[in-house]
């Protein structure tokens, strides 16, 4: 599987916001649309801090 978990980093603390994310699309103004494996959708505001493809982990930093 190629899905990743997305975390939001605030005050040096990472919080899991969505599991099994299959796609991330820029939605403008530092926001991203996350789409899950089963069709879940979530829009989140932040900037990309790290993408670890081998670890299936994406970290967005809160603004």
N, C-alpha and C. Protein backbone atom coordinates (compact mmCIF):
# COMPACT_ATOMS: atom_id res chain seq x y z
N UNK A 1 0.84 -1.18 0.00
CA UNK A 1 0.00 0.00 0.00
C UNK A 1 0.89 1.25 0.00
N UNK A 2 0.38 2.30 -0.60
CA UNK A 2 1.15 3.54 -0.72
C UNK A 2 0.54 4.69 0.08
N UNK A 3 -0.40 4.41 0.95
CA UNK A 3 -1.04 5.46 1.73
C UNK A 3 -0.10 5.94 2.83
N UNK A 4 -0.36 7.15 3.29
CA UNK A 4 0.44 7.73 4.36
C UNK A 4 -0.48 8.29 5.44
N UNK A 5 0.08 8.48 6.61
CA UNK A 5 -0.62 9.15 7.70
C UNK A 5 -0.17 10.61 7.69
N UNK A 6 -1.12 11.52 7.96
CA UNK A 6 -0.81 12.94 7.97
C UNK A 6 -0.92 13.45 9.41
N UNK A 7 0.11 14.18 9.81
CA UNK A 7 0.19 14.74 11.16
C UNK A 7 0.23 16.25 11.06
N UNK A 8 -0.36 16.93 12.05
CA UNK A 8 -0.27 18.38 12.16
C UNK A 8 0.64 18.69 13.33
N UNK A 9 1.68 19.49 13.07
CA UNK A 9 2.66 19.83 14.10
C UNK A 9 2.35 21.22 14.64
N UNK A 10 2.09 21.27 15.95
CA UNK A 10 1.83 22.54 16.65
C UNK A 10 2.66 22.54 17.92
N UNK A 11 3.42 23.62 18.12
CA UNK A 11 4.25 23.74 19.33
C UNK A 11 5.14 22.51 19.55
N UNK A 12 5.77 22.04 18.49
CA UNK A 12 6.68 20.88 18.52
C UNK A 12 5.99 19.57 18.91
N UNK A 13 4.66 19.53 18.82
CA UNK A 13 3.90 18.30 19.09
C UNK A 13 3.18 17.88 17.83
N UNK A 14 3.34 16.61 17.44
CA UNK A 14 2.68 16.08 16.25
C UNK A 14 1.39 15.38 16.66
N UNK A 15 0.30 15.72 15.94
CA UNK A 15 -1.00 15.12 16.21
C UNK A 15 -1.52 14.49 14.92
N UNK A 16 -1.86 13.21 14.98
CA UNK A 16 -2.39 12.51 13.82
C UNK A 16 -3.73 13.12 13.45
N UNK A 17 -3.87 13.55 12.18
CA UNK A 17 -5.14 14.13 11.77
C UNK A 17 -5.89 13.26 10.77
N UNK A 18 -5.16 12.38 10.04
CA UNK A 18 -5.84 11.48 9.12
C UNK A 18 -4.94 10.31 8.77
N UNK A 19 -5.52 9.12 8.78
CA UNK A 19 -4.78 7.91 8.41
C UNK A 19 -5.13 7.51 6.98
N UNK A 20 -4.28 6.71 6.39
CA UNK A 20 -4.50 6.14 5.06
C UNK A 20 -4.86 7.17 4.01
N UNK A 21 -4.08 8.25 3.96
CA UNK A 21 -4.30 9.30 2.96
C UNK A 21 -3.73 8.83 1.63
N UNK A 22 -4.58 8.86 0.61
CA UNK A 22 -4.18 8.39 -0.71
C UNK A 22 -3.77 9.54 -1.63
N UNK A 23 -4.27 10.77 -1.34
CA UNK A 23 -3.95 11.91 -2.21
C UNK A 23 -4.02 13.21 -1.40
N UNK A 24 -3.14 14.14 -1.76
CA UNK A 24 -3.13 15.48 -1.18
C UNK A 24 -3.10 16.47 -2.34
N UNK A 25 -4.05 17.41 -2.32
CA UNK A 25 -4.14 18.40 -3.39
C UNK A 25 -4.08 19.79 -2.78
N UNK A 26 -3.22 20.68 -3.30
CA UNK A 26 -3.22 22.06 -2.81
C UNK A 26 -4.59 22.69 -3.05
N UNK A 27 -5.09 23.41 -2.03
CA UNK A 27 -6.41 24.03 -2.13
C UNK A 27 -6.31 25.56 -2.03
N UNK A 28 -5.10 26.10 -2.09
CA UNK A 28 -4.89 27.54 -2.04
C UNK A 28 -4.68 28.07 -0.64
N UNK A 29 -3.97 29.19 -0.53
CA UNK A 29 -3.72 29.85 0.75
C UNK A 29 -3.23 28.91 1.85
N UNK A 30 -2.19 28.15 1.56
CA UNK A 30 -1.60 27.21 2.52
C UNK A 30 -2.58 26.17 3.04
N UNK A 31 -3.54 25.79 2.23
CA UNK A 31 -4.45 24.72 2.64
C UNK A 31 -4.35 23.56 1.66
N UNK A 32 -4.68 22.39 2.17
CA UNK A 32 -4.57 21.16 1.40
C UNK A 32 -5.83 20.34 1.58
N UNK A 33 -6.27 19.68 0.51
CA UNK A 33 -7.38 18.75 0.57
C UNK A 33 -6.79 17.35 0.69
N UNK A 34 -7.10 16.66 1.78
CA UNK A 34 -6.65 15.29 2.00
C UNK A 34 -7.78 14.35 1.60
N UNK A 35 -7.44 13.30 0.85
CA UNK A 35 -8.44 12.31 0.46
C UNK A 35 -7.96 10.93 0.92
N UNK A 36 -8.81 10.27 1.66
CA UNK A 36 -8.47 8.97 2.21
C UNK A 36 -8.76 7.82 1.27
N UNK A 37 -8.26 6.70 1.64
CA UNK A 37 -8.41 5.47 0.85
C UNK A 37 -9.87 5.10 0.64
N UNK A 38 -10.71 5.38 1.63
CA UNK A 38 -12.12 5.00 1.55
C UNK A 38 -13.02 6.18 1.17
N UNK A 39 -12.43 7.27 0.65
CA UNK A 39 -13.21 8.40 0.19
C UNK A 39 -13.37 9.53 1.18
N UNK A 40 -12.78 9.41 2.36
CA UNK A 40 -12.86 10.49 3.34
C UNK A 40 -12.18 11.72 2.76
N UNK A 41 -12.65 12.90 3.18
CA UNK A 41 -12.06 14.15 2.71
C UNK A 41 -11.90 15.08 3.91
N UNK A 42 -10.81 15.85 3.90
CA UNK A 42 -10.57 16.82 4.95
C UNK A 42 -9.72 17.93 4.37
N UNK A 43 -10.07 19.17 4.69
CA UNK A 43 -9.24 20.30 4.28
C UNK A 43 -8.51 20.81 5.52
N UNK A 44 -7.21 21.01 5.38
CA UNK A 44 -6.37 21.41 6.51
C UNK A 44 -5.47 22.57 6.07
N UNK A 45 -5.23 23.50 6.98
CA UNK A 45 -4.36 24.63 6.70
C UNK A 45 -3.01 24.40 7.37
N UNK A 46 -1.94 24.64 6.64
CA UNK A 46 -0.60 24.48 7.17
C UNK A 46 0.42 24.53 6.04
N UNK A 47 1.67 24.31 6.39
CA UNK A 47 2.72 24.23 5.39
C UNK A 47 3.39 22.86 5.52
N UNK A 48 3.86 22.35 4.42
CA UNK A 48 4.51 21.04 4.45
C UNK A 48 5.86 21.18 5.13
N UNK A 49 6.05 20.41 6.19
CA UNK A 49 7.34 20.42 6.89
C UNK A 49 8.18 19.22 6.49
N UNK A 50 7.54 18.07 6.30
CA UNK A 50 8.29 16.86 5.96
C UNK A 50 7.38 15.87 5.25
N UNK A 51 7.96 15.19 4.25
CA UNK A 51 7.29 14.07 3.59
C UNK A 51 8.25 12.91 3.64
N UNK A 52 7.88 11.86 4.35
CA UNK A 52 8.71 10.67 4.47
C UNK A 52 7.99 9.53 3.76
N UNK A 53 8.35 9.31 2.49
CA UNK A 53 7.67 8.30 1.70
C UNK A 53 7.93 6.88 2.20
N UNK A 54 9.13 6.62 2.65
CA UNK A 54 9.45 5.29 3.16
C UNK A 54 8.72 5.00 4.48
N UNK A 55 8.53 6.05 5.29
CA UNK A 55 7.85 5.89 6.57
C UNK A 55 6.36 6.13 6.50
N UNK A 56 5.85 6.45 5.29
CA UNK A 56 4.41 6.71 5.09
C UNK A 56 3.90 7.79 6.04
N UNK A 57 4.68 8.87 6.17
CA UNK A 57 4.34 9.93 7.13
C UNK A 57 4.52 11.29 6.48
N UNK A 58 3.49 12.14 6.61
CA UNK A 58 3.53 13.50 6.10
C UNK A 58 3.24 14.43 7.28
N UNK A 59 4.10 15.44 7.46
CA UNK A 59 3.93 16.37 8.57
C UNK A 59 3.64 17.74 8.00
N UNK A 60 2.50 18.31 8.42
CA UNK A 60 2.15 19.68 8.08
C UNK A 60 2.33 20.53 9.33
N UNK A 61 2.93 21.69 9.18
CA UNK A 61 3.14 22.58 10.31
C UNK A 61 1.99 23.58 10.36
N UNK A 62 1.38 23.70 11.53
CA UNK A 62 0.27 24.63 11.71
C UNK A 62 0.76 26.06 11.57
N UNK A 63 -0.10 26.92 11.05
CA UNK A 63 0.23 28.34 10.90
C UNK A 63 -0.30 29.13 12.07
